[in-house]
């Protein structure tokens, strides 16, 4: 995958929020972003968390509701890729899986029927087959979890902004199911991907989502994200 395409993925949230850019792409183009992504480079002396406010700790509010972020994976959303005829989950599967075959379903006329995920969180190769247990082997993770975003300030957003956040492809990634379950709604201080080779990209993407949506970072997680970004090649 080219560095230009990776930069699109990392910066998509910032562009979406600042200029409300509606991104359109063909199915073949979307498949290339994550599955075999290059490692980002970070210029020497650049703070990956520059411009992101810091709070001492995450304070759990315990009043988080998934439905506060809208209908799960609805295509009727204002994020890039919304209103394209396929729900968000199927869009991300199409983007992140390789070696795919397709089937038409009610929520998507060209949904992945079978494919392969090169899981960035575990470095495992995961076979995907659509069926009754469609969500078990491959799941879609919010890089910045919805409940974490809620605790950091999304509770004060408009419904439309929360819907956008929940469906923004720059904050979504297909991963191995158990890894997603292990992460839950954890902040970086509590969980990082087992695959250390992905720490650089995870830190860069996590920071860009926070920055793009004006969310703060808790101090313990700031330490972890800076350490993870320090593994990035310099350039």
C-alpha atoms as a PDB file:
ATOM      1  CA  UNK A   1       0.000   0.000   0.000  1.00  0.00           C
ATOM      2  CA  UNK A   2       1.317   3.477  -0.879  1.00  0.00           C
ATOM      3  CA  UNK A   3       2.201   6.028   1.775  1.00  0.00           C
ATOM      4  CA  UNK A   4      -0.275   8.491   0.221  1.00  0.00           C
ATOM      5  CA  UNK A   5      -3.144   6.085   0.794  1.00  0.00           C
ATOM      6  CA  UNK A   6      -2.101   5.509   4.408  1.00  0.00           C
ATOM      7  CA  UNK A   7      -1.982   9.245   5.007  1.00  0.00           C
ATOM      8  CA  UNK A   8      -5.570   9.474   3.706  1.00  0.00           C
ATOM      9  CA  UNK A   9      -6.677   6.970   6.352  1.00  0.00           C
ATOM     10  CA  UNK A  10      -4.819   8.666   9.195  1.00  0.00           C
ATOM     11  CA  UNK A  11      -6.009  12.174   8.321  1.00  0.00           C
ATOM     12  CA  UNK A  12      -9.575  11.398   7.262  1.00  0.00           C
ATOM     13  CA  UNK A  13     -11.167  12.415  10.542  1.00  0.00           C
ATOM     14  CA  UNK A  14      -9.464  15.801  10.532  1.00  0.00           C
ATOM     15  CA  UNK A  15     -10.558  16.499   6.991  1.00  0.00           C
ATOM     16  CA  UNK A  16     -14.087  15.267   7.681  1.00  0.00           C
ATOM     17  CA  UNK A  17     -14.620  17.434  10.732  1.00  0.00           C
ATOM     18  CA  UNK A  18     -12.923  20.596   9.501  1.00  0.00           C
ATOM     19  CA  UNK A  19     -14.333  20.774   6.009  1.00  0.00           C
ATOM     20  CA  UNK A  20     -17.157  18.185   6.135  1.00  0.00           C
ATOM     21  CA  UNK A  21     -15.633  16.473   3.110  1.00  0.00           C
ATOM     22  CA  UNK A  22     -17.773  13.651   1.791  1.00  0.00           C
ATOM     23  CA  UNK A  23     -15.380  10.990   0.570  1.00  0.00           C
ATOM     24  CA  UNK A  24     -16.446   8.635  -2.151  1.00  0.00           C
ATOM     25  CA  UNK A  25     -14.430   5.697  -3.377  1.00  0.00           C
ATOM     26  CA  UNK A  26     -14.922   2.589  -5.420  1.00  0.00           C
ATOM     27  CA  UNK A  27     -15.054  -0.776  -3.704  1.00  0.00           C
ATOM     28  CA  UNK A  28     -11.733  -1.820  -5.222  1.00  0.00           C
ATOM     29  CA  UNK A  29     -10.055   1.383  -3.983  1.00  0.00           C
ATOM     30  CA  UNK A  30     -11.391   0.963  -0.424  1.00  0.00           C
ATOM     31  CA  UNK A  31      -9.884  -2.507  -0.041  1.00  0.00           C
ATOM     32  CA  UNK A  32      -6.313  -1.307   0.110  1.00  0.00           C
ATOM     33  CA  UNK A  33      -6.114   0.797   3.251  1.00  0.00           C
ATOM     34  CA  UNK A  34      -5.606  -1.340   6.329  1.00  0.00           C
ATOM     35  CA  UNK A  35      -4.952  -4.966   5.566  1.00  0.00           C
ATOM     36  CA  UNK A  36      -1.372  -4.445   4.384  1.00  0.00           C
ATOM     37  CA  UNK A  37      -0.677  -0.907   5.589  1.00  0.00           C
ATOM     38  CA  UNK A  38       2.774   0.601   5.757  1.00  0.00           C
ATOM     39  CA  UNK A  39       4.027   1.947   9.086  1.00  0.00           C
ATOM     40  CA  UNK A  40       3.630   5.731   9.366  1.00  0.00           C
ATOM     41  CA  UNK A  41       6.664   7.942   9.752  1.00  0.00           C
ATOM     42  CA  UNK A  42       6.890  10.680  12.359  1.00  0.00           C
ATOM     43  CA  UNK A  43       9.185  13.661  11.905  1.00  0.00           C
ATOM     44  CA  UNK A  44      11.831  14.013  14.620  1.00  0.00           C
ATOM     45  CA  UNK A  45      10.660  16.244  17.451  1.00  0.00           C
ATOM     46  CA  UNK A  46       6.979  16.068  16.465  1.00  0.00           C
ATOM     47  CA  UNK A  47       4.577  15.303  19.322  1.00  0.00           C
ATOM     48  CA  UNK A  48       1.916  12.880  18.105  1.00  0.00           C
ATOM     49  CA  UNK A  49      -0.483  14.446  20.643  1.00  0.00           C
ATOM     50  CA  UNK A  50       0.164  18.058  19.647  1.00  0.00           C
ATOM     51  CA  UNK A  51      -2.988  20.148  19.969  1.00  0.00           C
ATOM     52  CA  UNK A  52      -4.864  17.542  22.020  1.00  0.00           C
ATOM     53  CA  UNK A  53      -5.946  18.693  25.511  1.00  0.00           C
ATOM     54  CA  UNK A  54      -4.900  16.481  28.416  1.00  0.00           C
ATOM     55  CA  UNK A  55      -6.979  15.506  31.426  1.00  0.00           C
ATOM     56  CA  UNK A  56      -5.558  13.799  34.524  1.00  0.00           C
ATOM     57  CA  UNK A  57      -7.613  10.600  34.303  1.00  0.00           C
ATOM     58  CA  UNK A  58     -10.590   9.088  32.540  1.00  0.00           C
ATOM     59  CA  UNK A  59     -13.663   9.456  34.740  1.00  0.00           C
ATOM     60  CA  UNK A  60     -16.232   6.794  33.935  1.00  0.00           C
ATOM     61  CA  UNK A  61     -19.722   8.223  33.954  1.00  0.00           C
ATOM     62  CA  UNK A  62     -21.547   4.858  33.753  1.00  0.00           C
ATOM     63  CA  UNK A  63     -24.449   6.406  31.849  1.00  0.00           C
ATOM     64  CA  UNK A  64     -23.102   5.524  28.387  1.00  0.00           C
ATOM     65  CA  UNK A  65     -25.717   4.173  25.958  1.00  0.00           C
ATOM     66  CA  UNK A  66     -24.834   2.704  22.571  1.00  0.00           C
ATOM     67  CA  UNK A  67     -28.047   4.101  21.111  1.00  0.00           C
ATOM     68  CA  UNK A  68     -26.841   7.626  21.933  1.00  0.00           C
ATOM     69  CA  UNK A  69     -24.580   7.150  18.882  1.00  0.00           C
ATOM     70  CA  UNK A  70     -27.465   6.185  16.622  1.00  0.00           C
ATOM     71  CA  UNK A  71     -28.552   2.966  14.979  1.00  0.00           C
ATOM     72  CA  UNK A  72     -25.691   0.487  14.841  1.00  0.00           C
ATOM     73  CA  UNK A  73     -23.848   0.609  11.494  1.00  0.00           C
ATOM     74  CA  UNK A  74     -26.638   2.501   9.726  1.00  0.00           C
ATOM     75  CA  UNK A  75     -25.875   3.706   6.209  1.00  0.00           C
ATOM     76  CA  UNK A  76     -28.045   6.752   6.956  1.00  0.00           C
ATOM     77  CA  UNK A  77     -25.210   8.732   8.517  1.00  0.00           C
ATOM     78  CA  UNK A  78     -23.224  11.929   7.749  1.00  0.00           C
ATOM     79  CA  UNK A  79     -19.771  10.319   7.873  1.00  0.00           C
ATOM     80  CA  UNK A  80     -17.656   9.755   4.760  1.00  0.00           C
ATOM     81  CA  UNK A  81     -19.146   6.726   2.983  1.00  0.00           C
ATOM     82  CA  UNK A  82     -22.623   7.265   4.399  1.00  0.00           C
ATOM     83  CA  UNK A  83     -25.609   6.950   2.053  1.00  0.00           C
ATOM     84  CA  UNK A  84     -23.654   4.764  -0.357  1.00  0.00           C
ATOM     85  CA  UNK A  85     -26.102   1.855  -0.299  1.00  0.00           C
ATOM     86  CA  UNK A  86     -24.166  -0.335   2.155  1.00  0.00           C
ATOM     87  CA  UNK A  87     -24.184  -0.210   5.948  1.00  0.00           C
ATOM     88  CA  UNK A  88     -20.968   0.856   7.660  1.00  0.00           C
ATOM     89  CA  UNK A  89     -19.966  -2.623   8.836  1.00  0.00           C
ATOM     90  CA  UNK A  90     -20.066  -3.991   5.305  1.00  0.00           C
ATOM     91  CA  UNK A  91     -18.147  -0.973   4.004  1.00  0.00           C
ATOM     92  CA  UNK A  92     -15.303  -1.652   6.467  1.00  0.00           C
ATOM     93  CA  UNK A  93     -15.248  -5.372   5.752  1.00  0.00           C
ATOM     94  CA  UNK A  94     -14.920  -4.557   2.054  1.00  0.00           C
ATOM     95  CA  UNK A  95     -12.137  -2.062   2.774  1.00  0.00           C
ATOM     96  CA  UNK A  96     -10.063  -4.209   5.132  1.00  0.00           C
ATOM     97  CA  UNK A  97     -10.428  -7.784   3.904  1.00  0.00           C
ATOM     98  CA  UNK A  98      -8.610  -9.281   0.921  1.00  0.00           C
ATOM     99  CA  UNK A  99      -9.247 -12.235  -1.399  1.00  0.00           C
ATOM    100  CA  UNK A 100     -12.980 -11.526  -1.291  1.00  0.00           C
ATOM    101  CA  UNK A 101     -16.105 -12.941  -2.837  1.00  0.00           C
ATOM    102  CA  UNK A 102     -19.418 -11.101  -2.674  1.00  0.00           C
ATOM    103  CA  UNK A 103     -23.110 -11.649  -2.094  1.00  0.00           C
ATOM    104  CA  UNK A 104     -26.096  -9.310  -2.245  1.00  0.00           C
ATOM    105  CA  UNK A 105     -27.943  -8.806   1.053  1.00  0.00           C
ATOM    106  CA  UNK A 106     -30.665  -6.445   2.228  1.00  0.00           C
ATOM    107  CA  UNK A 107     -28.236  -3.980   3.851  1.00  0.00           C
ATOM    108  CA  UNK A 108     -25.659  -4.056   1.043  1.00  0.00           C
ATOM    109  CA  UNK A 109     -25.952  -5.079  -2.611  1.00  0.00           C
ATOM    110  CA  UNK A 110     -22.259  -6.045  -2.668  1.00  0.00           C
ATOM    111  CA  UNK A 111     -21.411  -7.492   0.743  1.00  0.00           C
ATOM    112  CA  UNK A 112     -18.351  -9.622   1.427  1.00  0.00           C
ATOM    113  CA  UNK A 113     -19.338 -13.298   1.473  1.00  0.00           C
ATOM    114  CA  UNK A 114     -15.885 -14.718   2.118  1.00  0.00           C
ATOM    115  CA  UNK A 115     -12.494 -13.124   2.607  1.00  0.00           C
ATOM    116  CA  UNK A 116      -9.294 -12.979   4.595  1.00  0.00           C
ATOM    117  CA  UNK A 117      -8.293 -10.538   7.315  1.00  0.00           C
ATOM    118  CA  UNK A 118      -4.637  -9.880   8.102  1.00  0.00           C
ATOM    119  CA  UNK A 119      -5.397  -8.796  11.627  1.00  0.00           C
ATOM    120  CA  UNK A 120      -3.399  -5.732  12.697  1.00  0.00           C
ATOM    121  CA  UNK A 121      -4.091  -6.266  16.409  1.00  0.00           C
ATOM    122  CA  UNK A 122      -2.719  -9.821  16.652  1.00  0.00           C
ATOM    123  CA  UNK A 123      -0.868 -10.345  13.347  1.00  0.00           C
ATOM    124  CA  UNK A 124      -3.063 -13.409  12.790  1.00  0.00           C
ATOM    125  CA  UNK A 125      -4.625 -14.445   9.497  1.00  0.00           C
ATOM    126  CA  UNK A 126      -8.367 -14.794   9.994  1.00  0.00           C
ATOM    127  CA  UNK A 127     -10.782 -16.416   7.553  1.00  0.00           C
ATOM    128  CA  UNK A 128     -14.122 -14.664   7.208  1.00  0.00           C
ATOM    129  CA  UNK A 129     -17.272 -16.481   6.086  1.00  0.00           C
ATOM    130  CA  UNK A 130     -20.648 -14.788   6.227  1.00  0.00           C
ATOM    131  CA  UNK A 131     -23.232 -16.747   8.178  1.00  0.00           C
ATOM    132  CA  UNK A 132     -24.994 -17.099  11.494  1.00  0.00           C
ATOM    133  CA  UNK A 133     -21.782 -16.340  13.409  1.00  0.00           C
ATOM    134  CA  UNK A 134     -20.789 -13.526  11.067  1.00  0.00           C
ATOM    135  CA  UNK A 135     -19.607 -11.285  13.910  1.00  0.00           C
ATOM    136  CA  UNK A 136     -17.509 -13.809  15.801  1.00  0.00           C
ATOM    137  CA  UNK A 137     -14.277 -14.242  13.835  1.00  0.00           C
ATOM    138  CA  UNK A 138     -13.998 -10.716  12.402  1.00  0.00           C
ATOM    139  CA  UNK A 139     -15.388  -7.674  14.194  1.00  0.00           C
ATOM    140  CA  UNK A 140     -15.284  -3.937  13.519  1.00  0.00           C
ATOM    141  CA  UNK A 141     -13.513  -1.982  16.243  1.00  0.00           C
ATOM    142  CA  UNK A 142     -13.832   1.704  17.058  1.00  0.00           C
ATOM    143  CA  UNK A 143     -10.199   2.711  17.506  1.00  0.00           C
ATOM    144  CA  UNK A 144     -11.372   5.337  19.995  1.00  0.00           C
ATOM    145  CA  UNK A 145     -14.173   3.379  21.694  1.00  0.00           C
ATOM    146  CA  UNK A 146     -17.615   4.930  21.838  1.00  0.00           C
ATOM    147  CA  UNK A 147     -17.850   4.638  25.629  1.00  0.00           C
ATOM    148  CA  UNK A 148     -14.426   6.247  26.001  1.00  0.00           C
ATOM    149  CA  UNK A 149     -15.443   9.093  23.696  1.00  0.00           C
ATOM    150  CA  UNK A 150     -18.603   9.498  25.783  1.00  0.00           C
ATOM    151  CA  UNK A 151     -16.546   9.845  28.963  1.00  0.00           C
ATOM    152  CA  UNK A 152     -14.160  12.296  27.290  1.00  0.00           C
ATOM    153  CA  UNK A 153     -16.891  14.643  26.095  1.00  0.00           C
ATOM    154  CA  UNK A 154     -19.056  13.056  23.401  1.00  0.00           C
ATOM    155  CA  UNK A 155     -21.950  13.060  25.870  1.00  0.00           C
ATOM    156  CA  UNK A 156     -22.178  16.787  25.151  1.00  0.00           C
ATOM    157  CA  UNK A 157     -22.208  16.446  21.363  1.00  0.00           C
ATOM    158  CA  UNK A 158     -25.233  16.677  19.134  1.00  0.00           C
ATOM    159  CA  UNK A 159     -26.893  13.440  18.051  1.00  0.00           C
ATOM    160  CA  UNK A 160     -25.660  14.070  14.515  1.00  0.00           C
ATOM    161  CA  UNK A 161     -22.049  14.385  15.616  1.00  0.00           C
ATOM    162  CA  UNK A 162     -22.217  11.190  17.646  1.00  0.00           C
ATOM    163  CA  UNK A 163     -23.752   9.370  14.661  1.00  0.00           C
ATOM    164  CA  UNK A 164     -20.925  10.620  12.472  1.00  0.00           C
ATOM    165  CA  UNK A 165     -18.295   9.541  14.989  1.00  0.00           C
ATOM    166  CA  UNK A 166     -19.729   6.028  15.295  1.00  0.00           C
ATOM    167  CA  UNK A 167     -19.596   5.521  11.521  1.00  0.00           C
ATOM    168  CA  UNK A 168     -16.461   7.445  10.563  1.00  0.00           C
ATOM    169  CA  UNK A 169     -14.179   5.030   8.660  1.00  0.00           C
ATOM    170  CA  UNK A 170     -11.085   6.781  10.032  1.00  0.00           C
ATOM    171  CA  UNK A 171     -12.085   5.488  13.488  1.00  0.00           C
ATOM    172  CA  UNK A 172     -12.995   1.971  12.341  1.00  0.00           C
ATOM    173  CA  UNK A 173     -10.917  -1.103  11.641  1.00  0.00           C
ATOM    174  CA  UNK A 174     -11.670  -4.781  11.047  1.00  0.00           C
ATOM    175  CA  UNK A 175      -9.946  -6.953  13.641  1.00  0.00           C
ATOM    176  CA  UNK A 176      -9.895 -10.458  15.069  1.00  0.00           C
ATOM    177  CA  UNK A 177     -12.998 -10.920  17.213  1.00  0.00           C
ATOM    178  CA  UNK A 178     -11.379 -11.975  20.479  1.00  0.00           C
ATOM    179  CA  UNK A 179      -8.921  -9.085  20.343  1.00  0.00           C
ATOM    180  CA  UNK A 180     -11.839  -6.696  19.983  1.00  0.00           C
ATOM    181  CA  UNK A 181     -13.566  -8.298  22.958  1.00  0.00           C
ATOM    182  CA  UNK A 182     -10.375  -8.091  25.014  1.00  0.00           C
ATOM    183  CA  UNK A 183     -10.058  -4.383  24.250  1.00  0.00           C
ATOM    184  CA  UNK A 184     -13.658  -3.548  25.108  1.00  0.00           C
ATOM    185  CA  UNK A 185     -13.919   0.197  25.750  1.00  0.00           C
ATOM    186  CA  UNK A 186     -10.403   0.488  27.151  1.00  0.00           C
ATOM    187  CA  UNK A 187      -8.223   3.550  26.796  1.00  0.00           C
ATOM    188  CA  UNK A 188      -4.584   3.040  25.675  1.00  0.00           C
ATOM    189  CA  UNK A 189      -3.340   3.077  29.283  1.00  0.00           C
ATOM    190  CA  UNK A 190      -5.400  -0.067  29.881  1.00  0.00           C
ATOM    191  CA  UNK A 191      -5.032  -1.860  26.534  1.00  0.00           C
ATOM    192  CA  UNK A 192      -2.792  -1.801  23.482  1.00  0.00           C
ATOM    193  CA  UNK A 193      -2.756  -4.267  20.575  1.00  0.00           C
ATOM    194  CA  UNK A 194      -0.813  -7.462  21.352  1.00  0.00           C
ATOM    195  CA  UNK A 195       0.979  -6.977  18.031  1.00  0.00           C
ATOM    196  CA  UNK A 196       3.642  -4.424  18.985  1.00  0.00           C
ATOM    197  CA  UNK A 197       4.433  -3.854  15.314  1.00  0.00           C
ATOM    198  CA  UNK A 198       1.072  -2.093  15.030  1.00  0.00           C
ATOM    199  CA  UNK A 199       1.637   0.253  17.974  1.00  0.00           C
ATOM    200  CA  UNK A 200       2.966   3.068  15.804  1.00  0.00           C
ATOM    201  CA  UNK A 201      -0.055   3.098  13.495  1.00  0.00           C
ATOM    202  CA  UNK A 202      -2.479   2.602  16.390  1.00  0.00           C
ATOM    203  CA  UNK A 203      -1.041   5.583  18.253  1.00  0.00           C
ATOM    204  CA  UNK A 204      -1.097   7.828  15.189  1.00  0.00           C
ATOM    205  CA  UNK A 205      -4.679   6.903  14.289  1.00  0.00           C
ATOM    206  CA  UNK A 206      -5.877   7.171  17.890  1.00  0.00           C
ATOM    207  CA  UNK A 207      -4.340  10.643  18.216  1.00  0.00           C
ATOM    208  CA  UNK A 208      -5.805  11.851  14.936  1.00  0.00           C
ATOM    209  CA  UNK A 209      -9.303  10.755  15.911  1.00  0.00           C
ATOM    210  CA  UNK A 210      -9.023  12.578  19.248  1.00  0.00           C
ATOM    211  CA  UNK A 211      -7.683  15.679  17.523  1.00  0.00           C
ATOM    212  CA  UNK A 212     -10.224  15.622  14.725  1.00  0.00           C
ATOM    213  CA  UNK A 213     -13.156  15.442  17.113  1.00  0.00           C
ATOM    214  CA  UNK A 214     -11.763  17.768  19.765  1.00  0.00           C
ATOM    215  CA  UNK A 215     -11.503  15.083  22.442  1.00  0.00           C
ATOM    216  CA  UNK A 216      -8.890  15.141  25.216  1.00  0.00           C
ATOM    217  CA  UNK A 217      -6.524  12.349  26.241  1.00  0.00           C
ATOM    218  CA  UNK A 218      -6.045  11.114  29.787  1.00  0.00           C
ATOM    219  CA  UNK A 219      -2.515  11.508  31.135  1.00  0.00           C
ATOM    220  CA  UNK A 220      -1.736   7.786  31.578  1.00  0.00           C
ATOM    221  CA  UNK A 221      -2.824   7.129  27.982  1.00  0.00           C
ATOM    222  CA  UNK A 222      -0.805  10.095  26.733  1.00  0.00           C
ATOM    223  CA  UNK A 223       2.330   8.437  28.102  1.00  0.00           C
ATOM    224  CA  UNK A 224       1.472   5.160  26.369  1.00  0.00           C
ATOM    225  CA  UNK A 225       0.625   6.798  23.030  1.00  0.00           C
ATOM    226  CA  UNK A 226       3.829   8.834  22.992  1.00  0.00           C
ATOM    227  CA  UNK A 227       5.859   5.725  23.774  1.00  0.00           C
ATOM    228  CA  UNK A 228       4.059   3.854  20.984  1.00  0.00           C
ATOM    229  CA  UNK A 229       4.639   6.707  18.526  1.00  0.00           C
ATOM    230  CA  UNK A 230       8.310   6.580  19.439  1.00  0.00           C
ATOM    231  CA  UNK A 231       8.448   3.211  17.665  1.00  0.00           C
ATOM    232  CA  UNK A 232       7.523   4.898  14.372  1.00  0.00           C
ATOM    233  CA  UNK A 233      10.258   5.356  11.802  1.00  0.00           C
ATOM    234  CA  UNK A 234      11.421   8.954  11.550  1.00  0.00           C
ATOM    235  CA  UNK A 235      11.165  10.770   8.283  1.00  0.00           C
END
